[in-house]
N, C-alpha and C. Protein backbone atom coordinates (compact mmCIF):
# COMPACT_ATOMS: atom_id res chain seq x y z
N MET A 1 -205.13 -10.35 157.63
CA MET A 1 -205.67 -9.21 156.92
C MET A 1 -206.19 -9.67 155.55
N LYS A 2 -207.42 -9.34 155.27
CA LYS A 2 -208.02 -9.68 153.99
C LYS A 2 -207.85 -8.48 153.05
N LEU A 3 -207.24 -8.72 151.91
CA LEU A 3 -207.01 -7.66 150.95
C LEU A 3 -208.25 -7.44 150.10
N PRO A 4 -208.48 -6.20 149.67
CA PRO A 4 -209.68 -5.90 148.88
C PRO A 4 -209.63 -6.55 147.49
N ARG A 5 -210.73 -7.14 147.09
CA ARG A 5 -210.92 -7.66 145.73
C ARG A 5 -212.00 -6.78 145.13
N CYS A 6 -211.62 -5.87 144.28
CA CYS A 6 -212.57 -4.89 143.78
C CYS A 6 -212.28 -4.55 142.33
N THR A 7 -213.25 -3.93 141.70
CA THR A 7 -213.11 -3.41 140.35
C THR A 7 -212.84 -1.93 140.45
N ILE A 8 -211.90 -1.43 139.64
CA ILE A 8 -211.58 0.00 139.62
C ILE A 8 -211.81 0.49 138.20
N THR A 9 -212.62 1.53 138.07
CA THR A 9 -212.92 2.09 136.76
C THR A 9 -212.31 3.48 136.65
N THR A 10 -211.61 3.73 135.54
CA THR A 10 -211.04 5.04 135.26
C THR A 10 -211.60 5.52 133.93
N SER A 11 -211.12 6.66 133.48
CA SER A 11 -211.61 7.17 132.20
C SER A 11 -211.25 6.27 131.03
N MET A 12 -210.07 5.61 131.09
CA MET A 12 -209.61 4.77 129.98
C MET A 12 -209.75 3.28 130.24
N LEU A 13 -209.72 2.89 131.52
CA LEU A 13 -209.54 1.49 131.87
C LEU A 13 -210.58 0.97 132.85
N VAL A 14 -210.71 -0.34 132.86
CA VAL A 14 -211.41 -1.05 133.93
C VAL A 14 -210.44 -2.09 134.45
N LEU A 15 -210.13 -2.02 135.73
CA LEU A 15 -209.27 -3.01 136.36
C LEU A 15 -210.17 -3.96 137.13
N ARG A 16 -210.20 -5.21 136.70
CA ARG A 16 -211.06 -6.22 137.31
C ARG A 16 -210.20 -7.23 138.07
N PRO A 17 -210.72 -7.77 139.17
CA PRO A 17 -209.95 -8.80 139.88
C PRO A 17 -209.60 -9.95 138.94
N LEU A 18 -208.38 -10.44 139.09
CA LEU A 18 -207.90 -11.53 138.24
C LEU A 18 -208.70 -12.79 138.48
N ARG A 19 -209.09 -13.43 137.37
CA ARG A 19 -209.76 -14.73 137.42
C ARG A 19 -208.76 -15.79 136.97
N ARG A 20 -208.82 -16.94 137.56
CA ARG A 20 -207.89 -18.01 137.20
C ARG A 20 -208.01 -18.39 135.72
N GLY A 21 -209.20 -18.32 135.17
CA GLY A 21 -209.41 -18.67 133.77
C GLY A 21 -208.70 -17.75 132.80
N THR A 22 -208.24 -16.61 133.29
CA THR A 22 -207.51 -15.67 132.44
C THR A 22 -206.24 -16.30 131.88
N ALA A 23 -205.71 -17.29 132.57
CA ALA A 23 -204.49 -17.96 132.11
C ALA A 23 -204.66 -18.52 130.71
N TRP A 24 -205.82 -19.10 130.43
CA TRP A 24 -206.01 -19.73 129.12
C TRP A 24 -206.10 -18.69 128.01
N SER A 25 -206.74 -17.54 128.29
CA SER A 25 -206.89 -16.53 127.23
C SER A 25 -205.65 -15.66 127.06
N THR A 26 -204.68 -15.77 127.97
CA THR A 26 -203.48 -14.95 127.87
C THR A 26 -202.22 -15.77 127.61
N PHE A 27 -202.36 -17.05 127.36
CA PHE A 27 -201.18 -17.90 127.16
C PHE A 27 -200.28 -17.36 126.04
N HIS A 28 -200.87 -16.78 125.01
CA HIS A 28 -200.08 -16.25 123.90
C HIS A 28 -199.12 -15.13 124.36
N TRP A 29 -199.34 -14.53 125.53
CA TRP A 29 -198.43 -13.52 126.06
C TRP A 29 -197.05 -14.11 126.34
N THR A 30 -196.98 -15.43 126.56
CA THR A 30 -195.69 -16.06 126.87
C THR A 30 -194.74 -16.01 125.68
N GLU A 31 -195.24 -15.70 124.51
CA GLU A 31 -194.39 -15.58 123.33
C GLU A 31 -193.62 -14.26 123.31
N ASN A 32 -194.01 -13.32 124.15
CA ASN A 32 -193.40 -12.00 124.17
C ASN A 32 -192.31 -11.97 125.26
N THR A 33 -191.10 -12.33 124.88
CA THR A 33 -190.01 -12.43 125.86
C THR A 33 -189.67 -11.08 126.48
N GLU A 34 -189.84 -10.00 125.74
CA GLU A 34 -189.56 -8.66 126.28
C GLU A 34 -190.50 -8.36 127.45
N ALA A 35 -191.79 -8.64 127.28
CA ALA A 35 -192.76 -8.40 128.35
C ALA A 35 -192.49 -9.31 129.54
N LEU A 36 -192.13 -10.56 129.29
CA LEU A 36 -191.84 -11.48 130.39
C LEU A 36 -190.56 -11.11 131.11
N ASP A 37 -189.56 -10.62 130.39
CA ASP A 37 -188.34 -10.15 131.05
C ASP A 37 -188.67 -9.03 132.03
N ALA A 38 -189.56 -8.14 131.64
CA ALA A 38 -189.96 -7.03 132.51
C ALA A 38 -190.60 -7.55 133.80
N MET A 39 -191.24 -8.71 133.71
CA MET A 39 -191.88 -9.31 134.88
C MET A 39 -190.95 -10.28 135.60
N GLU A 40 -189.70 -10.36 135.17
CA GLU A 40 -188.74 -11.31 135.73
C GLU A 40 -189.25 -12.74 135.60
N MET A 41 -189.90 -13.03 134.47
CA MET A 41 -190.51 -14.33 134.23
C MET A 41 -189.94 -14.99 132.99
N SER A 42 -188.78 -14.59 132.56
CA SER A 42 -188.21 -15.15 131.34
C SER A 42 -188.01 -16.66 131.50
N ALA A 43 -188.35 -17.37 130.48
CA ALA A 43 -188.18 -18.83 130.50
C ALA A 43 -188.02 -19.31 129.07
N PRO A 44 -187.25 -20.37 128.87
CA PRO A 44 -187.04 -20.85 127.51
C PRO A 44 -188.30 -21.42 126.87
N ALA A 45 -189.15 -22.04 127.65
CA ALA A 45 -190.37 -22.63 127.08
C ALA A 45 -191.47 -22.63 128.13
N TRP A 46 -192.63 -22.16 127.74
CA TRP A 46 -193.78 -22.14 128.62
C TRP A 46 -194.76 -23.21 128.18
N SER A 47 -195.36 -23.86 129.13
CA SER A 47 -196.48 -24.76 128.83
C SER A 47 -197.74 -24.07 129.34
N ARG A 48 -198.87 -24.49 128.82
CA ARG A 48 -200.12 -23.92 129.31
C ARG A 48 -200.27 -24.17 130.81
N TRP A 49 -199.88 -25.35 131.29
CA TRP A 49 -200.01 -25.67 132.70
C TRP A 49 -199.11 -24.77 133.56
N ARG A 50 -197.88 -24.55 133.11
CA ARG A 50 -196.98 -23.69 133.87
C ARG A 50 -197.51 -22.26 133.94
N TRP A 51 -198.00 -21.74 132.83
CA TRP A 51 -198.59 -20.39 132.80
C TRP A 51 -199.79 -20.33 133.73
N TYR A 52 -200.64 -21.36 133.71
CA TYR A 52 -201.81 -21.40 134.60
C TYR A 52 -201.36 -21.34 136.07
N LYS A 53 -200.31 -22.08 136.42
CA LYS A 53 -199.85 -22.09 137.81
C LYS A 53 -199.34 -20.70 138.23
N VAL A 54 -198.67 -19.99 137.32
CA VAL A 54 -198.21 -18.64 137.62
C VAL A 54 -199.41 -17.72 137.86
N ILE A 55 -200.37 -17.76 136.95
CA ILE A 55 -201.55 -16.91 137.10
C ILE A 55 -202.33 -17.28 138.36
N ARG A 56 -202.47 -18.57 138.63
CA ARG A 56 -203.18 -19.01 139.84
C ARG A 56 -202.51 -18.47 141.09
N ALA A 57 -201.19 -18.43 141.12
CA ALA A 57 -200.47 -17.89 142.28
C ALA A 57 -200.83 -16.44 142.52
N TYR A 58 -201.06 -15.68 141.44
CA TYR A 58 -201.41 -14.26 141.57
C TYR A 58 -202.83 -14.04 142.12
N THR A 59 -203.60 -15.10 142.30
CA THR A 59 -204.93 -14.97 142.90
C THR A 59 -204.88 -15.31 144.39
N GLY A 60 -203.70 -15.54 144.92
CA GLY A 60 -203.53 -15.92 146.32
C GLY A 60 -203.88 -14.80 147.29
N PRO A 61 -203.94 -15.13 148.58
CA PRO A 61 -204.40 -14.17 149.59
C PRO A 61 -203.47 -12.97 149.81
N SER A 62 -202.20 -13.06 149.38
CA SER A 62 -201.30 -11.92 149.58
C SER A 62 -201.16 -11.07 148.32
N PHE A 63 -202.04 -11.29 147.34
CA PHE A 63 -201.98 -10.55 146.08
C PHE A 63 -203.25 -9.74 145.84
N ILE A 64 -203.06 -8.55 145.29
CA ILE A 64 -204.16 -7.77 144.70
C ILE A 64 -203.80 -7.69 143.22
N THR A 65 -204.42 -8.52 142.42
CA THR A 65 -204.08 -8.60 141.01
C THR A 65 -205.30 -8.23 140.17
N HIS A 66 -205.07 -7.36 139.22
CA HIS A 66 -206.14 -6.89 138.34
C HIS A 66 -205.83 -7.20 136.89
N GLU A 67 -206.86 -7.61 136.19
CA GLU A 67 -206.82 -7.64 134.73
C GLU A 67 -207.04 -6.21 134.28
N ILE A 68 -206.28 -5.75 133.30
CA ILE A 68 -206.43 -4.40 132.77
C ILE A 68 -207.21 -4.48 131.46
N TRP A 69 -208.40 -3.90 131.46
CA TRP A 69 -209.26 -3.89 130.28
C TRP A 69 -209.37 -2.46 129.76
N ARG A 70 -209.20 -2.29 128.45
CA ARG A 70 -209.39 -0.99 127.82
C ARG A 70 -210.89 -0.77 127.67
N ARG A 71 -211.39 0.36 128.15
CA ARG A 71 -212.83 0.64 128.10
C ARG A 71 -213.35 0.82 126.67
N ALA A 72 -212.55 1.44 125.81
CA ALA A 72 -213.02 1.78 124.47
C ALA A 72 -213.49 0.56 123.69
N ASP A 73 -212.77 -0.57 123.80
CA ASP A 73 -213.14 -1.75 123.03
C ASP A 73 -213.31 -3.00 123.90
N ASN A 74 -213.30 -2.82 125.22
CA ASN A 74 -213.49 -3.93 126.17
C ASN A 74 -212.52 -5.08 125.88
N LYS A 75 -211.23 -4.72 125.72
CA LYS A 75 -210.20 -5.71 125.40
C LYS A 75 -209.25 -5.85 126.58
N LEU A 76 -208.93 -7.10 126.94
CA LEU A 76 -207.94 -7.38 127.97
C LEU A 76 -206.56 -7.05 127.42
N ILE A 77 -205.86 -6.10 128.07
CA ILE A 77 -204.57 -5.64 127.53
C ILE A 77 -203.40 -5.83 128.51
N GLY A 78 -203.67 -6.31 129.72
CA GLY A 78 -202.56 -6.50 130.63
C GLY A 78 -202.99 -6.95 132.00
N LEU A 79 -202.01 -7.08 132.89
CA LEU A 79 -202.23 -7.43 134.29
C LEU A 79 -201.44 -6.47 135.16
N HIS A 80 -202.02 -6.10 136.29
CA HIS A 80 -201.30 -5.33 137.31
C HIS A 80 -201.30 -6.15 138.58
N ILE A 81 -200.12 -6.35 139.15
CA ILE A 81 -199.97 -7.23 140.31
C ILE A 81 -199.39 -6.42 141.46
N ALA A 82 -200.01 -6.54 142.63
CA ALA A 82 -199.48 -5.97 143.87
C ALA A 82 -199.37 -7.12 144.86
N HIS A 83 -198.14 -7.47 145.21
CA HIS A 83 -197.90 -8.54 146.18
C HIS A 83 -197.66 -7.88 147.53
N VAL A 84 -198.58 -8.09 148.47
CA VAL A 84 -198.49 -7.48 149.79
C VAL A 84 -197.75 -8.44 150.71
N GLU A 85 -196.57 -8.01 151.13
CA GLU A 85 -195.70 -8.84 151.96
C GLU A 85 -195.80 -8.39 153.41
N GLY A 86 -196.20 -9.29 154.29
CA GLY A 86 -196.29 -8.97 155.71
C GLY A 86 -197.34 -7.94 156.04
N GLY A 87 -198.24 -7.68 155.14
CA GLY A 87 -199.32 -6.73 155.38
C GLY A 87 -198.94 -5.27 155.26
N ARG A 88 -197.66 -4.95 155.17
CA ARG A 88 -197.22 -3.55 155.20
C ARG A 88 -196.44 -3.10 153.97
N ILE A 89 -195.92 -4.04 153.19
CA ILE A 89 -195.07 -3.71 152.04
C ILE A 89 -195.71 -4.32 150.80
N ALA A 90 -195.87 -3.50 149.76
CA ALA A 90 -196.44 -4.00 148.51
C ALA A 90 -195.40 -3.86 147.40
N LYS A 91 -195.22 -4.93 146.66
CA LYS A 91 -194.33 -4.92 145.49
C LYS A 91 -195.20 -4.93 144.24
N LEU A 92 -194.96 -3.98 143.35
CA LEU A 92 -195.76 -3.83 142.14
C LEU A 92 -195.10 -4.48 140.93
N ALA A 93 -195.93 -4.96 140.04
CA ALA A 93 -195.47 -5.47 138.74
C ALA A 93 -196.61 -5.27 137.75
N ILE A 94 -196.25 -5.11 136.50
CA ILE A 94 -197.26 -4.92 135.46
C ILE A 94 -196.78 -5.60 134.19
N ILE A 95 -197.72 -6.15 133.45
CA ILE A 95 -197.39 -6.71 132.15
C ILE A 95 -198.41 -6.17 131.14
N ILE A 96 -197.88 -5.53 130.12
CA ILE A 96 -198.67 -5.06 128.98
C ILE A 96 -197.93 -5.59 127.76
N PRO A 97 -198.34 -6.75 127.25
CA PRO A 97 -197.54 -7.43 126.23
C PRO A 97 -197.52 -6.79 124.85
N ASP A 98 -198.57 -6.09 124.47
CA ASP A 98 -198.63 -5.53 123.12
C ASP A 98 -197.92 -4.17 123.10
N PRO A 99 -196.83 -4.05 122.33
CA PRO A 99 -196.11 -2.77 122.28
C PRO A 99 -197.00 -1.58 121.89
N ALA A 100 -198.06 -1.84 121.13
CA ALA A 100 -198.96 -0.75 120.73
C ALA A 100 -199.69 -0.15 121.93
N ASP A 101 -199.83 -0.92 123.01
CA ASP A 101 -200.52 -0.42 124.20
C ASP A 101 -199.58 0.26 125.19
N ARG A 102 -198.28 0.13 124.97
CA ARG A 102 -197.32 0.79 125.84
C ARG A 102 -197.16 2.24 125.39
N GLY A 103 -196.91 3.12 126.33
CA GLY A 103 -196.73 4.53 126.00
C GLY A 103 -198.03 5.28 125.82
N ALA A 104 -199.15 4.63 126.11
CA ALA A 104 -200.45 5.28 125.98
C ALA A 104 -201.03 5.65 127.34
N ASN A 105 -200.17 5.83 128.33
CA ASN A 105 -200.55 6.18 129.71
C ASN A 105 -201.36 5.09 130.40
N ILE A 106 -201.39 3.89 129.84
CA ILE A 106 -202.14 2.79 130.45
C ILE A 106 -201.47 2.37 131.75
N ALA A 107 -200.17 2.13 131.70
CA ALA A 107 -199.46 1.72 132.92
C ALA A 107 -199.53 2.81 133.97
N GLU A 108 -199.39 4.05 133.57
CA GLU A 108 -199.43 5.16 134.52
C GLU A 108 -200.79 5.23 135.23
N GLU A 109 -201.86 5.16 134.47
CA GLU A 109 -203.20 5.24 135.06
C GLU A 109 -203.49 4.03 135.94
N ALA A 110 -203.12 2.83 135.47
CA ALA A 110 -203.35 1.62 136.26
C ALA A 110 -202.55 1.66 137.56
N ARG A 111 -201.29 2.03 137.46
CA ARG A 111 -200.45 2.10 138.67
C ARG A 111 -201.01 3.10 139.67
N ALA A 112 -201.41 4.27 139.20
CA ALA A 112 -201.88 5.33 140.10
C ALA A 112 -203.11 4.87 140.90
N VAL A 113 -204.08 4.24 140.24
CA VAL A 113 -205.28 3.86 140.97
C VAL A 113 -205.03 2.68 141.90
N VAL A 114 -204.07 1.81 141.55
CA VAL A 114 -203.73 0.71 142.47
C VAL A 114 -202.97 1.25 143.68
N ILE A 115 -202.10 2.22 143.47
CA ILE A 115 -201.40 2.84 144.61
C ILE A 115 -202.42 3.53 145.52
N ASP A 116 -203.39 4.23 144.93
CA ASP A 116 -204.47 4.82 145.74
C ASP A 116 -205.15 3.75 146.58
N LEU A 117 -205.49 2.64 145.96
CA LEU A 117 -206.16 1.54 146.66
C LEU A 117 -205.29 1.02 147.81
N LEU A 118 -204.02 0.81 147.54
CA LEU A 118 -203.12 0.28 148.56
C LEU A 118 -203.00 1.21 149.76
N PHE A 119 -202.81 2.50 149.52
CA PHE A 119 -202.62 3.43 150.62
C PHE A 119 -203.93 3.81 151.32
N ASP A 120 -205.05 3.78 150.58
CA ASP A 120 -206.33 4.19 151.16
C ASP A 120 -207.11 3.06 151.83
N ARG A 121 -206.94 1.81 151.36
CA ARG A 121 -207.80 0.72 151.83
C ARG A 121 -207.07 -0.48 152.41
N THR A 122 -205.76 -0.36 152.58
CA THR A 122 -204.98 -1.44 153.19
C THR A 122 -204.00 -0.81 154.18
N PRO A 123 -203.38 -1.62 155.04
CA PRO A 123 -202.38 -1.06 155.97
C PRO A 123 -200.98 -0.92 155.36
N VAL A 124 -200.87 -0.97 154.05
CA VAL A 124 -199.57 -0.86 153.37
C VAL A 124 -198.93 0.49 153.70
N LYS A 125 -197.64 0.44 154.07
CA LYS A 125 -196.89 1.65 154.43
C LYS A 125 -195.77 1.98 153.46
N ILE A 126 -195.47 1.08 152.54
CA ILE A 126 -194.46 1.35 151.52
C ILE A 126 -194.79 0.50 150.28
N VAL A 127 -194.63 1.12 149.14
CA VAL A 127 -194.83 0.43 147.86
C VAL A 127 -193.49 0.45 147.15
N HIS A 128 -193.09 -0.69 146.63
CA HIS A 128 -191.84 -0.69 145.88
C HIS A 128 -191.99 -1.51 144.61
N GLY A 129 -191.09 -1.24 143.71
CA GLY A 129 -191.08 -1.95 142.45
C GLY A 129 -189.66 -2.08 141.95
N THR A 130 -189.46 -3.07 141.12
CA THR A 130 -188.15 -3.28 140.51
C THR A 130 -188.32 -3.27 139.01
N VAL A 131 -187.26 -2.91 138.34
CA VAL A 131 -187.30 -2.85 136.89
C VAL A 131 -185.90 -3.16 136.35
N ALA A 132 -185.87 -3.83 135.22
CA ALA A 132 -184.60 -4.07 134.54
C ALA A 132 -184.01 -2.71 134.16
N ALA A 133 -182.71 -2.54 134.37
CA ALA A 133 -182.07 -1.25 134.13
C ALA A 133 -182.24 -0.77 132.69
N ARG A 134 -182.39 -1.69 131.76
CA ARG A 134 -182.55 -1.28 130.36
C ARG A 134 -184.00 -0.92 130.00
N ASN A 135 -184.91 -1.11 130.94
CA ASN A 135 -186.32 -0.77 130.69
C ASN A 135 -186.53 0.69 131.09
N PHE A 136 -186.08 1.59 130.22
CA PHE A 136 -186.10 3.02 130.52
C PHE A 136 -187.50 3.55 130.73
N ALA A 137 -188.47 3.07 129.97
CA ALA A 137 -189.84 3.56 130.10
C ALA A 137 -190.41 3.27 131.49
N SER A 138 -190.18 2.05 132.00
CA SER A 138 -190.70 1.71 133.33
C SER A 138 -189.97 2.49 134.42
N ALA A 139 -188.66 2.64 134.29
CA ALA A 139 -187.90 3.42 135.28
C ALA A 139 -188.39 4.86 135.30
N PHE A 140 -188.62 5.44 134.12
CA PHE A 140 -189.13 6.80 134.04
C PHE A 140 -190.52 6.90 134.66
N LEU A 141 -191.36 5.90 134.43
CA LEU A 141 -192.71 5.93 134.99
C LEU A 141 -192.67 5.92 136.52
N TYR A 142 -191.83 5.08 137.10
CA TYR A 142 -191.70 5.09 138.56
C TYR A 142 -191.33 6.49 139.05
N GLN A 143 -190.37 7.12 138.40
CA GLN A 143 -189.96 8.45 138.82
C GLN A 143 -191.07 9.47 138.62
N LYS A 144 -191.80 9.35 137.52
CA LYS A 144 -192.90 10.27 137.24
C LYS A 144 -193.99 10.16 138.30
N LEU A 145 -194.19 8.95 138.83
CA LEU A 145 -195.20 8.75 139.86
C LEU A 145 -194.70 9.11 141.26
N GLY A 146 -193.46 9.58 141.38
CA GLY A 146 -192.94 10.05 142.66
C GLY A 146 -192.10 9.04 143.42
N PHE A 147 -191.81 7.89 142.82
CA PHE A 147 -190.97 6.90 143.46
C PHE A 147 -189.52 7.40 143.51
N ARG A 148 -188.80 6.97 144.53
CA ARG A 148 -187.37 7.25 144.63
C ARG A 148 -186.61 5.99 144.26
N GLN A 149 -185.50 6.17 143.56
CA GLN A 149 -184.65 5.01 143.27
C GLN A 149 -183.80 4.75 144.50
N ASP A 150 -183.92 3.55 145.07
CA ASP A 150 -183.22 3.20 146.30
C ASP A 150 -181.94 2.42 146.05
N ALA A 151 -181.89 1.63 144.98
CA ALA A 151 -180.73 0.77 144.80
C ALA A 151 -180.58 0.34 143.35
N ILE A 152 -179.36 -0.06 143.03
CA ILE A 152 -179.05 -0.75 141.78
C ILE A 152 -178.47 -2.09 142.19
N LEU A 153 -179.13 -3.16 141.80
CA LEU A 153 -178.66 -4.50 142.11
C LEU A 153 -177.92 -5.02 140.88
N LYS A 154 -176.62 -5.07 140.97
CA LYS A 154 -175.76 -5.40 139.84
C LYS A 154 -175.96 -6.85 139.37
N GLY A 155 -176.23 -7.00 138.07
CA GLY A 155 -176.33 -8.32 137.45
C GLY A 155 -177.38 -9.23 138.05
N ARG A 156 -178.40 -8.66 138.68
CA ARG A 156 -179.38 -9.45 139.42
C ARG A 156 -180.36 -10.21 138.53
N LEU A 157 -180.65 -9.68 137.36
CA LEU A 157 -181.62 -10.33 136.49
C LEU A 157 -180.91 -11.18 135.44
N LEU A 158 -181.31 -12.43 135.37
CA LEU A 158 -180.79 -13.32 134.35
C LEU A 158 -181.86 -13.45 133.27
N THR A 159 -181.57 -12.95 132.09
CA THR A 159 -182.51 -13.00 130.98
C THR A 159 -181.94 -13.88 129.88
N ASP A 160 -182.73 -14.05 128.84
CA ASP A 160 -182.26 -14.82 127.69
C ASP A 160 -181.02 -14.16 127.06
N ASN A 161 -180.84 -12.86 127.32
CA ASN A 161 -179.73 -12.11 126.73
C ASN A 161 -178.58 -11.89 127.72
N GLY A 162 -178.56 -12.60 128.82
CA GLY A 162 -177.48 -12.46 129.81
C GLY A 162 -177.94 -11.75 131.07
N ARG A 163 -176.99 -11.40 131.91
CA ARG A 163 -177.28 -10.73 133.18
C ARG A 163 -177.40 -9.22 132.97
N ILE A 164 -178.38 -8.63 133.65
CA ILE A 164 -178.55 -7.18 133.60
C ILE A 164 -178.85 -6.68 135.02
N ASP A 165 -178.63 -5.39 135.22
CA ASP A 165 -178.89 -4.77 136.52
C ASP A 165 -180.38 -4.59 136.75
N LYS A 166 -180.73 -4.54 138.02
CA LYS A 166 -182.11 -4.31 138.43
C LYS A 166 -182.14 -3.04 139.26
N LEU A 167 -183.09 -2.15 138.98
CA LEU A 167 -183.28 -0.92 139.75
C LEU A 167 -184.42 -1.13 140.73
N VAL A 168 -184.26 -0.62 141.94
CA VAL A 168 -185.28 -0.74 142.99
C VAL A 168 -185.81 0.66 143.30
N PHE A 169 -187.13 0.81 143.26
CA PHE A 169 -187.80 2.08 143.55
C PHE A 169 -188.76 1.89 144.72
N SER A 170 -188.99 2.98 145.49
CA SER A 170 -189.96 2.90 146.58
C SER A 170 -190.74 4.20 146.71
N LEU A 171 -191.89 4.08 147.38
CA LEU A 171 -192.79 5.22 147.57
C LEU A 171 -193.49 5.06 148.92
N LEU A 172 -193.53 6.14 149.69
CA LEU A 172 -194.21 6.16 150.99
C LEU A 172 -195.53 6.92 150.85
N PRO A 173 -196.48 6.67 151.75
CA PRO A 173 -197.79 7.33 151.63
C PRO A 173 -197.72 8.86 151.63
N ASP A 174 -196.86 9.45 152.48
CA ASP A 174 -196.79 10.91 152.51
C ASP A 174 -196.18 11.47 151.23
N GLU A 175 -195.26 10.73 150.61
CA GLU A 175 -194.70 11.14 149.32
C GLU A 175 -195.77 11.10 148.24
N TRP A 176 -196.60 10.05 148.28
CA TRP A 176 -197.68 9.92 147.30
C TRP A 176 -198.69 11.06 147.47
N ALA A 177 -199.05 11.34 148.71
CA ALA A 177 -200.03 12.41 148.98
C ALA A 177 -199.50 13.77 148.51
N ALA A 178 -198.21 14.00 148.69
CA ALA A 178 -197.63 15.29 148.32
C ALA A 178 -197.36 15.43 146.83
N ASN A 179 -197.12 14.32 146.14
CA ASN A 179 -196.67 14.39 144.75
C ASN A 179 -197.51 13.60 143.76
N ARG A 180 -198.71 13.19 144.15
CA ARG A 180 -199.52 12.38 143.23
C ARG A 180 -199.74 13.16 141.94
N PRO A 181 -199.44 12.52 140.79
CA PRO A 181 -199.66 13.21 139.52
C PRO A 181 -201.13 13.55 139.32
N PRO A 182 -201.41 14.55 138.50
CA PRO A 182 -202.80 14.95 138.27
C PRO A 182 -203.55 13.98 137.36
N LEU A 183 -203.66 12.75 137.81
CA LEU A 183 -204.41 11.73 137.07
C LEU A 183 -205.76 11.55 137.75
N PRO A 184 -206.78 11.21 136.97
CA PRO A 184 -208.09 11.00 137.60
C PRO A 184 -208.04 9.83 138.57
N LYS A 185 -208.75 9.96 139.67
CA LYS A 185 -208.88 8.85 140.61
C LYS A 185 -209.90 7.87 140.05
N GLY A 186 -209.69 6.61 140.35
CA GLY A 186 -210.62 5.58 139.89
C GLY A 186 -211.82 5.46 140.80
N THR A 187 -212.88 4.89 140.28
CA THR A 187 -214.06 4.57 141.07
C THR A 187 -213.97 3.11 141.46
N VAL A 188 -213.98 2.85 142.76
CA VAL A 188 -213.82 1.49 143.28
C VAL A 188 -215.19 0.91 143.58
N THR A 189 -215.45 -0.30 143.03
CA THR A 189 -216.71 -0.99 143.32
C THR A 189 -216.43 -2.42 143.72
């Protein structure tokens, strides 16, 4: 199954397919341990080569990865990753490293249009995501988008600050259709 590589435009954002060269312009994101912890990517030291290899992996055939660009100033502000496992299950992740960009409905709008893409244009039958238990904003966002909390994995995440619990959320297509928040749909090109 070939996954769609497309651009999605919303009122606030443009989600563009990830380019491998993005690794070089985003290396400074590795300095933000809070953002990396949210992606389960915490590490004591990052090299440019290691960051490039991580980004390159997200361009693989089982990934739908988008660069998140703010339309107002055409600035790259994050990445949204959907890893499609076995063609039917998608695991979501997002990184928005600048705290000033969090809480501005960017993650909500990006997530919603990617979920639309997954359920409308791929054979995905379940979308799930995990979040560190202390990341209240992300846990709330999953619930706001209609996800159900399925599990608490005790001490599953090892961060620079010790072990923390991981929350697992999931969403089915019929749940999304019945409870999709009133966010604008994106234009896919």
